[in-house]
C-alpha atoms as a PDB file:
ATOM      1  CA  MET A   1      -7.532  30.448 -18.820  1.00  0.00           C
ATOM      2  CA  ILE A   2      -6.752  27.501 -16.172  1.00  0.00           C
ATOM      3  CA  LEU A   3      -4.036  27.700 -13.698  1.00  0.00           C
ATOM      4  CA  ILE A   4      -2.657  24.404 -12.981  1.00  0.00           C
ATOM      5  CA  ILE A   5      -0.766  24.015 -10.015  1.00  0.00           C
ATOM      6  CA  TYR A   6       1.859  21.257  -9.515  1.00  0.00           C
ATOM      7  CA  SER A   7       4.996  20.142  -7.528  1.00  0.00           C
ATOM      8  CA  ILE A   8       8.171  21.429  -8.919  1.00  0.00           C
ATOM      9  CA  THR A   9       9.781  18.192  -7.868  1.00  0.00           C
ATOM     10  CA  THR A  10       7.607  15.594  -9.077  1.00  0.00           C
ATOM     11  CA  GLY A  11       5.655  17.303 -11.626  1.00  0.00           C
ATOM     12  CA  GLN A  12       2.301  15.841 -10.054  1.00  0.00           C
ATOM     13  CA  ILE A  13      -0.619  18.311 -10.450  1.00  0.00           C
ATOM     14  CA  TYR A  14      -2.635  19.235  -7.099  1.00  0.00           C
ATOM     15  CA  SER A  15      -5.700  20.870  -8.909  1.00  0.00           C
ATOM     16  CA  GLU A  16      -6.610  23.483 -11.151  1.00  0.00           C
ATOM     17  CA  ILE A  17      -8.023  26.769 -10.040  1.00  0.00           C
ATOM     18  CA  GLU A  18      -9.279  29.858 -12.653  1.00  0.00           C
ATOM     19  CA  ASP A  19      -6.345  31.846 -13.874  1.00  0.00           C
ATOM     20  CA  GLY A  20      -5.923  35.163 -11.703  1.00  0.00           C
ATOM     21  CA  GLN A  21      -6.785  33.842  -8.495  1.00  0.00           C
ATOM     22  CA  ASP A  22      -3.869  33.523  -5.587  1.00  0.00           C
ATOM     23  CA  TYR A  23      -3.087  30.035  -5.360  1.00  0.00           C
ATOM     24  CA  LEU A  24      -1.592  29.747  -1.903  1.00  0.00           C
ATOM     25  CA  ILE A  25      -4.633  30.829  -0.257  1.00  0.00           C
ATOM     26  CA  PHE A  26      -5.731  27.551  -0.772  1.00  0.00           C
ATOM     27  CA  TYR A  27      -3.017  26.154   0.428  1.00  0.00           C
ATOM     28  CA  GLN A  28      -2.305  28.703   3.282  1.00  0.00           C
ATOM     29  CA  ASN A  29      -2.251  25.843   6.216  1.00  0.00           C
ATOM     30  CA  TYR A  30       0.183  23.690   4.499  1.00  0.00           C
ATOM     31  CA  PRO A  31       3.627  23.837   5.953  1.00  0.00           C
ATOM     32  CA  GLN A  32       6.037  25.828   4.035  1.00  0.00           C
ATOM     33  CA  GLU A  33       8.077  23.193   2.473  1.00  0.00           C
ATOM     34  CA  PHE A  34       5.525  22.104   0.220  1.00  0.00           C
ATOM     35  CA  LYS A  35       4.125  25.710  -0.477  1.00  0.00           C
ATOM     36  CA  ASP A  36       7.640  26.334  -1.685  1.00  0.00           C
ATOM     37  CA  ASP A  37       7.632  23.506  -4.138  1.00  0.00           C
ATOM     38  CA  LEU A  38       4.702  24.757  -5.671  1.00  0.00           C
ATOM     39  CA  ALA A  39       4.516  26.159  -9.203  1.00  0.00           C
ATOM     40  CA  THR A  40       1.539  27.110 -11.745  1.00  0.00           C
ATOM     41  CA  LEU A  41       0.975  26.813 -15.775  1.00  0.00           C
ATOM     42  CA  SER A  42      -1.573  28.508 -17.254  1.00  0.00           C
ATOM     43  CA  VAL A  43      -3.191  26.859 -20.043  1.00  0.00           C
ATOM     44  CA  ASP A  44      -6.368  27.330 -22.333  1.00  0.00           C
ATOM     45  CA  LYS A  45      -7.300  23.635 -22.434  1.00  0.00           C
ATOM     46  CA  PHE A  46      -5.809  20.760 -20.465  1.00  0.00           C
ATOM     47  CA  PRO A  47      -6.034  16.849 -20.694  1.00  0.00           C
ATOM     48  CA  GLU A  48      -9.387  14.897 -20.015  1.00  0.00           C
ATOM     49  CA  HIS A  49      -8.019  12.655 -17.427  1.00  0.00           C
ATOM     50  CA  LEU A  50      -6.070  15.003 -15.874  1.00  0.00           C
ATOM     51  CA  LYS A  51      -5.004  13.076 -12.660  1.00  0.00           C
ATOM     52  CA  ASP A  52      -3.099  10.870 -15.405  1.00  0.00           C
ATOM     53  CA  TYR A  53      -0.331  13.556 -16.129  1.00  0.00           C
ATOM     54  CA  ARG A  54       2.295  15.428 -14.508  1.00  0.00           C
ATOM     55  CA  ILE A  55       4.031  18.101 -15.793  1.00  0.00           C
ATOM     56  CA  ILE A  56       7.409  18.318 -16.871  1.00  0.00           C
ATOM     57  CA  ASN A  57       9.077  21.303 -18.514  1.00  0.00           C
ATOM     58  CA  ASN A  58       6.094  23.135 -18.326  1.00  0.00           C
ATOM     59  CA  LYS A  59       4.661  20.643 -20.939  1.00  0.00           C
ATOM     60  CA  PHE A  60       1.819  18.228 -19.890  1.00  0.00           C
ATOM     61  CA  GLU A  61       2.956  14.411 -19.666  1.00  0.00           C
ATOM     62  CA  ARG A  62       1.507  11.599 -19.630  1.00  0.00           C
ATOM     63  CA  ILE A  63       2.353   9.074 -16.989  1.00  0.00           C
ATOM     64  CA  PRO A  64       3.456   5.521 -17.734  1.00  0.00           C
ATOM     65  CA  ASP A  65       0.449   2.982 -17.096  1.00  0.00           C
ATOM     66  CA  GLN A  66       2.706   1.067 -14.539  1.00  0.00           C
ATOM     67  CA  GLU A  67       2.958   4.160 -12.379  1.00  0.00           C
ATOM     68  CA  ILE A  68      -1.042   4.879 -12.940  1.00  0.00           C
ATOM     69  CA  SER A  69      -1.918   1.232 -11.597  1.00  0.00           C
ATOM     70  CA  GLU A  70       0.642   1.491  -8.732  1.00  0.00           C
ATOM     71  CA  ILE A  71      -1.354   4.969  -7.350  1.00  0.00           C
ATOM     72  CA  LYS A  72      -4.380   2.988  -7.429  1.00  0.00           C
ATOM     73  CA  LYS A  73      -3.266   0.204  -5.888  1.00  0.00           C
ATOM     74  CA  TYR A  74      -0.987   1.353  -3.398  1.00  0.00           C
ATOM     75  CA  GLY A  75      -1.635   4.931  -3.038  1.00  0.00           C
ATOM     76  CA  ARG A  76       2.310   5.435  -4.667  1.00  0.00           C
ATOM     77  CA  VAL A  77       4.864   4.980  -7.237  1.00  0.00           C
ATOM     78  CA  LEU A  78       6.717   1.874  -5.830  1.00  0.00           C
ATOM     79  CA  THR A  79      10.451   1.825  -6.473  1.00  0.00           C
ATOM     80  CA  GLU A  80      12.732  -0.496  -8.470  1.00  0.00           C
ATOM     81  CA  GLU A  81      13.383  -2.806  -5.152  1.00  0.00           C
ATOM     82  CA  GLU A  82       9.685  -2.875  -4.510  1.00  0.00           C
ATOM     83  CA  ARG A  83       8.440  -3.605  -8.054  1.00  0.00           C
ATOM     84  CA  LEU A  84      11.367  -6.822  -7.675  1.00  0.00           C
ATOM     85  CA  LEU A  85       9.611  -8.027  -4.603  1.00  0.00           C
ATOM     86  CA  LYS A  86       6.481  -8.036  -5.775  1.00  0.00           C
ATOM     87  CA  THR A  87       7.698 -10.262  -8.725  1.00  0.00           C
ATOM     88  CA  LEU A  88       8.895 -12.270  -6.272  1.00  0.00           C
ATOM     89  CA  LYS A  89       5.846 -12.870  -4.361  1.00  0.00           C
ATOM     90  CA  PRO A  90       4.910 -16.202  -4.409  1.00  0.00           C
ATOM     91  CA  THR A  91       0.878 -16.875  -5.671  1.00  0.00           C
ATOM     92  CA  HIS A  92      -1.829 -17.140  -3.291  1.00  0.00           C
ATOM     93  CA  GLU A  93      -1.779 -20.958  -4.126  1.00  0.00           C
ATOM     94  CA  GLU A  94       1.694 -21.503  -2.709  1.00  0.00           C
ATOM     95  CA  VAL A  95       1.150 -19.395   0.318  1.00  0.00           C
ATOM     96  CA  GLY A  96      -2.151 -21.470   0.969  1.00  0.00           C
ATOM     97  CA  LYS A  97       0.047 -24.579   0.454  1.00  0.00           C
ATOM     98  CA  ALA A  98       2.747 -23.234   2.531  1.00  0.00           C
ATOM     99  CA  VAL A  99       0.302 -22.700   5.284  1.00  0.00           C
ATOM    100  CA  LYS A 100      -0.839 -26.149   5.148  1.00  0.00           C
ATOM    101  CA  ILE A 101       2.481 -27.576   5.293  1.00  0.00           C
ATOM    102  CA  ILE A 102       3.094 -25.833   8.428  1.00  0.00           C
ATOM    103  CA  ASP A 103      -0.144 -26.658  10.066  1.00  0.00           C
ATOM    104  CA  VAL A 104      -0.010 -30.649   9.289  1.00  0.00           C
ATOM    105  CA  LEU A 105       3.902 -30.321  10.247  1.00  0.00           C
ATOM    106  CA  ASP A 106       3.653 -28.981  13.326  1.00  0.00           C
ATOM    107  CA  ILE A 107       0.841 -31.512  14.451  1.00  0.00           C
ATOM    108  CA  LEU A 108       2.620 -34.402  12.730  1.00  0.00           C
ATOM    109  CA  GLN A 109       5.467 -33.561  15.353  1.00  0.00           C
ATOM    110  CA  ASP A 110       3.571 -32.220  18.363  1.00  0.00           C
ATOM    111  CA  VAL A 111       1.783 -35.576  18.281  1.00  0.00           C
ATOM    112  CA  GLY A 112       5.100 -37.833  17.696  1.00  0.00           C
ATOM    113  CA  LEU A 113       4.104 -39.287  14.367  1.00  0.00           C
ATOM    114  CA  ILE A 114       7.728 -38.179  13.145  1.00  0.00           C
ATOM    115  CA  GLU A 115      10.287 -40.165  13.144  1.00  0.00           C
ATOM    116  CA  LEU A 116      14.122 -38.596  13.967  1.00  0.00           C
ATOM    117  CA  ALA A 117      15.044 -39.642  10.366  1.00  0.00           C
ATOM    118  CA  ASP A 118      12.416 -37.631   8.520  1.00  0.00           C
ATOM    119  CA  THR A 119      13.748 -34.723  10.663  1.00  0.00           C
ATOM    120  CA  ALA A 120      15.978 -33.484   7.849  1.00  0.00           C
ATOM    121  CA  LEU A 121      13.024 -33.789   5.497  1.00  0.00           C
ATOM    122  CA  ILE A 122      10.443 -31.848   7.283  1.00  0.00           C
ATOM    123  CA  ASP A 123      13.143 -29.608   7.687  1.00  0.00           C
ATOM    124  CA  THR A 124      13.710 -28.767   4.630  1.00  0.00           C
ATOM    125  CA  LYS A 125       9.613 -28.477   3.975  1.00  0.00           C
ATOM    126  CA  LEU A 126       9.308 -26.186   6.496  1.00  0.00           C
ATOM    127  CA  ILE A 127      12.303 -23.800   5.635  1.00  0.00           C
ATOM    128  CA  ASP A 128      10.309 -23.523   2.003  1.00  0.00           C
ATOM    129  CA  ALA A 129       6.967 -23.035   3.637  1.00  0.00           C
ATOM    130  CA  TYR A 130       8.431 -20.099   5.622  1.00  0.00           C
ATOM    131  CA  THR A 131      10.705 -18.909   2.784  1.00  0.00           C
ATOM    132  CA  SER A 132       7.251 -18.339   0.584  1.00  0.00           C
ATOM    133  CA  LEU A 133       5.345 -16.750   3.798  1.00  0.00           C
ATOM    134  CA  SER A 134       8.086 -14.566   3.814  1.00  0.00           C
ATOM    135  CA  LEU A 135       8.076 -13.403   0.589  1.00  0.00           C
ATOM    136  CA  PHE A 136       4.402 -13.161   1.078  1.00  0.00           C
ATOM    137  CA  GLY A 137       4.877 -10.297   3.486  1.00  0.00           C
ATOM    138  CA  ALA A 138       3.536 -12.871   6.594  1.00  0.00           C
ATOM    139  CA  TYR A 139       6.341 -14.093   8.414  1.00  0.00           C
ATOM    140  CA  VAL A 140       9.667 -11.636   9.432  1.00  0.00           C
ATOM    141  CA  LEU A 141      13.088 -12.890  10.291  1.00  0.00           C
ATOM    142  CA  SER A 142      13.352 -10.340  13.752  1.00  0.00           C
ATOM    143  CA  GLU A 143      10.907  -8.545  15.529  1.00  0.00           C
ATOM    144  CA  SER A 144      12.462  -5.464  14.762  1.00  0.00           C
ATOM    145  CA  ASP A 145      10.943  -6.362  11.128  1.00  0.00           C
ATOM    146  CA  ARG A 146       7.399  -6.639  12.195  1.00  0.00           C
ATOM    147  CA  LYS A 147       5.675  -4.182  10.753  1.00  0.00           C
ATOM    148  CA  GLY A 148       1.671  -5.843  11.335  1.00  0.00           C
ATOM    149  CA  ILE A 149      -0.172  -7.056  14.249  1.00  0.00           C
ATOM    150  CA  ASN A 150      -0.538 -10.212  11.997  1.00  0.00           C
ATOM    151  CA  GLN A 151       3.060 -10.916  10.794  1.00  0.00           C
ATOM    152  CA  LYS A 152       4.587 -13.884  12.830  1.00  0.00           C
ATOM    153  CA  LEU A 153       8.437 -14.570  13.231  1.00  0.00           C
ATOM    154  CA  VAL A 154       9.906 -17.590  11.406  1.00  0.00           C
ATOM    155  CA  PRO A 155      11.335 -19.545  14.389  1.00  0.00           C
ATOM    156  CA  THR A 156      14.519 -19.746  14.981  1.00  0.00           C
ATOM    157  CA  LYS A 157      15.425 -22.772  14.070  1.00  0.00           C
ATOM    158  CA  TYR A 158      14.742 -21.998  10.681  1.00  0.00           C
ATOM    159  CA  LYS A 159      15.758 -18.058  10.696  1.00  0.00           C
ATOM    160  CA  ILE A 160      19.173 -18.752   8.776  1.00  0.00           C
ATOM    161  CA  GLU A 161      18.134 -21.069   6.214  1.00  0.00           C
ATOM    162  CA  VAL A 162      14.856 -18.803   5.570  1.00  0.00           C
ATOM    163  CA  SER A 163      17.486 -15.860   5.030  1.00  0.00           C
ATOM    164  CA  ALA A 164      19.945 -17.544   3.124  1.00  0.00           C
ATOM    165  CA  LYS A 165      16.748 -18.737   0.505  1.00  0.00           C
ATOM    166  CA  VAL A 166      14.813 -15.271   0.449  1.00  0.00           C
ATOM    167  CA  ASN A 167      17.813 -13.525  -0.509  1.00  0.00           C
ATOM    168  CA  GLU A 168      18.909 -16.192  -3.468  1.00  0.00           C
ATOM    169  CA  ARG A 169      15.199 -16.015  -4.915  1.00  0.00           C
ATOM    170  CA  ALA A 170      15.900 -11.898  -4.390  1.00  0.00           C
ATOM    171  CA  ASN A 171      19.125 -12.451  -6.473  1.00  0.00           C
ATOM    172  CA  LYS A 172      17.705 -14.718  -8.585  1.00  0.00           C
ATOM    173  CA  GLY A 173      15.090 -12.015  -9.153  1.00  0.00           C
ATOM    174  CA  LEU A 174      17.579  -9.361 -10.260  1.00  0.00           C
ATOM    175  CA  GLU A 175      19.516 -11.729 -12.554  1.00  0.00           C
ATOM    176  CA  MET A 176      16.185 -12.370 -14.509  1.00  0.00           C
ATOM    177  CA  LYS A 177      15.170  -8.470 -14.445  1.00  0.00           C
ATOM    178  CA  ASN A 178      18.822  -7.300 -15.861  1.00  0.00           C
ATOM    179  CA  LYS A 179      18.720  -9.742 -18.676  1.00  0.00           C
END
């Protein structure tokens, strides 16, 4: 017999040991709340890819493929909101285009090649570019949102419009998901 050690809360399987061993010895240096969440299940045989299963009601239940993929990619299962945000992320092509637009338009403005009449068109293009980069995670609206060193701030001039466009795309994503 084999003893499967798992989380009561999530069903996540942590390890397998020979039946009859005290499993708490393996977790003696873990916090008490972690140990309080442990349970065991004695089995004769278990699925081949044990990491793709969890234990629910003392039975092996295969983890959905989407969750397995998320665990491999992100190290955890994503929330519904995080999944939605991932679907809203622009493609690498869109991000590349947005970066080029920002670079070119900034240069043109700096050297004075853009007339005042063109400013509204330029602002629209920049807002779209900053929106794509914000959804991608490269730009954020406020300093408190900045998580990584590489994240840049959306210029103050465009924050309100970019925020509105990000929210608009998020709402469209929610509508599509609810259909």
